[in-house]
Amino acid sequence: MEILLNHEIGTHAGKVYQHLVQNPALTATAIRKDVGLTAREVDQALGWLAREAKLSAERDGRALRYSVA
């Protein structure tokens, strides 16, 4: 079961990564709406990308905007 979860998170991370390549500086909410993932799936994908050092985050007021590092 753990391997399947890792595969799913990796797949979602790939979708989020590709979307951020085309559309930098998005909030997690915008990513969720654009890519069609749940909030939890987006959070997991962002964590995956951050751990691989493929993500940068910039504070914009109260929001965080994510881009490809």
C-alpha atoms as a PDB file:
ATOM      1  CA  MET A   1       0.000   0.000   0.000  1.00  0.00           C
ATOM      2  CA  GLU A   2       2.871   2.398   0.749  1.00  0.00           C
ATOM      3  CA  ILE A   3       4.370   1.954  -2.723  1.00  0.00           C
ATOM      4  CA  LEU A   4       1.057   2.838  -4.365  1.00  0.00           C
ATOM      5  CA  LEU A   5       0.780   5.976  -2.227  1.00  0.00           C
ATOM      6  CA  ASN A   6       4.315   7.038  -3.203  1.00  0.00           C
ATOM      7  CA  HIS A   7       3.480   6.403  -6.849  1.00  0.00           C
ATOM      8  CA  GLU A   8       0.323   8.520  -6.601  1.00  0.00           C
ATOM      9  CA  ILE A   9       2.122  11.374  -4.845  1.00  0.00           C
ATOM     10  CA  GLY A  10       4.904  11.229  -7.430  1.00  0.00           C
ATOM     11  CA  THR A  11       2.361  11.340 -10.248  1.00  0.00           C
ATOM     12  CA  HIS A  12       0.625  14.336  -8.679  1.00  0.00           C
ATOM     13  CA  ALA A  13       3.979  16.031  -8.121  1.00  0.00           C
ATOM     14  CA  GLY A  14       4.739  15.611 -11.826  1.00  0.00           C
ATOM     15  CA  LYS A  15       1.429  17.234 -12.774  1.00  0.00           C
ATOM     16  CA  VAL A  16       2.011  20.128 -10.385  1.00  0.00           C
ATOM     17  CA  TYR A  17       5.613  20.556 -11.595  1.00  0.00           C
ATOM     18  CA  GLN A  18       4.581  20.682 -15.251  1.00  0.00           C
ATOM     19  CA  HIS A  19       1.824  23.158 -14.464  1.00  0.00           C
ATOM     20  CA  LEU A  20       4.232  25.412 -12.556  1.00  0.00           C
ATOM     21  CA  VAL A  21       6.700  25.330 -15.455  1.00  0.00           C
ATOM     22  CA  GLN A  22       3.977  26.854 -17.649  1.00  0.00           C
ATOM     23  CA  ASN A  23       2.360  28.999 -14.918  1.00  0.00           C
ATOM     24  CA  PRO A  24       4.836  30.213 -12.277  1.00  0.00           C
ATOM     25  CA  ALA A  25       3.989  32.005  -9.027  1.00  0.00           C
ATOM     26  CA  LEU A  26       0.717  30.236  -8.184  1.00  0.00           C
ATOM     27  CA  THR A  27      -0.911  29.699  -4.815  1.00  0.00           C
ATOM     28  CA  ALA A  28      -1.807  26.200  -3.669  1.00  0.00           C
ATOM     29  CA  THR A  29      -5.490  27.044  -4.194  1.00  0.00           C
ATOM     30  CA  ALA A  30      -4.851  28.106  -7.798  1.00  0.00           C
ATOM     31  CA  ILE A  31      -2.836  24.937  -8.438  1.00  0.00           C
ATOM     32  CA  ARG A  32      -5.657  22.815  -6.999  1.00  0.00           C
ATOM     33  CA  LYS A  33      -8.269  24.489  -9.214  1.00  0.00           C
ATOM     34  CA  ASP A  34      -6.109  24.401 -12.357  1.00  0.00           C
ATOM     35  CA  VAL A  35      -4.795  20.843 -12.040  1.00  0.00           C
ATOM     36  CA  GLY A  36      -7.933  19.262 -10.576  1.00  0.00           C
ATOM     37  CA  LEU A  37      -6.370  17.748  -7.464  1.00  0.00           C
ATOM     38  CA  THR A  38      -7.635  17.874  -3.896  1.00  0.00           C
ATOM     39  CA  ALA A  39      -6.033  20.202  -1.363  1.00  0.00           C
ATOM     40  CA  ARG A  40      -4.377  17.212   0.306  1.00  0.00           C
ATOM     41  CA  GLU A  41      -2.985  15.929  -3.009  1.00  0.00           C
ATOM     42  CA  VAL A  42      -1.563  19.376  -3.827  1.00  0.00           C
ATOM     43  CA  ASP A  43       0.001  19.660  -0.361  1.00  0.00           C
ATOM     44  CA  GLN A  44       1.607  16.233  -0.762  1.00  0.00           C
ATOM     45  CA  ALA A  45       2.860  17.114  -4.259  1.00  0.00           C
ATOM     46  CA  LEU A  46       4.316  20.425  -3.052  1.00  0.00           C
ATOM     47  CA  GLY A  47       6.040  18.609  -0.199  1.00  0.00           C
ATOM     48  CA  TRP A  48       7.479  16.068  -2.629  1.00  0.00           C
ATOM     49  CA  LEU A  49       8.805  18.831  -4.891  1.00  0.00           C
ATOM     50  CA  ALA A  50      10.200  20.812  -1.952  1.00  0.00           C
ATOM     51  CA  ARG A  51      12.037  17.749  -0.657  1.00  0.00           C
ATOM     52  CA  GLU A  52      13.615  17.297  -4.096  1.00  0.00           C
ATOM     53  CA  ALA A  53      14.589  21.019  -4.127  1.00  0.00           C
ATOM     54  CA  LYS A  54      12.494  21.601  -7.256  1.00  0.00           C
ATOM     55  CA  LEU A  55      10.218  24.207  -5.690  1.00  0.00           C
ATOM     56  CA  SER A  56      10.575  27.771  -4.530  1.00  0.00           C
ATOM     57  CA  ALA A  57       8.028  29.638  -2.451  1.00  0.00           C
ATOM     58  CA  GLU A  58       7.608  33.379  -2.143  1.00  0.00           C
ATOM     59  CA  ARG A  59       5.398  35.149   0.373  1.00  0.00           C
ATOM     60  CA  ASP A  60       2.871  37.541  -1.192  1.00  0.00           C
ATOM     61  CA  GLY A  61       1.084  39.162   1.719  1.00  0.00           C
ATOM     62  CA  ARG A  62      -0.611  36.267   3.497  1.00  0.00           C
ATOM     63  CA  ALA A  63      -0.325  33.893   0.536  1.00  0.00           C
ATOM     64  CA  LEU A  64       2.553  31.711  -0.587  1.00  0.00           C
ATOM     65  CA  ARG A  65       3.227  31.568  -4.311  1.00  0.00           C
ATOM     66  CA  TYR A  66       5.023  28.533  -5.690  1.00  0.00           C
ATOM     67  CA  SER A  67       7.323  28.323  -8.696  1.00  0.00           C
ATOM     68  CA  VAL A  68       9.796  25.813 -10.087  1.00  0.00           C
ATOM     69  CA  ALA A  69      13.243  26.311  -8.530  1.00  0.00           C
END
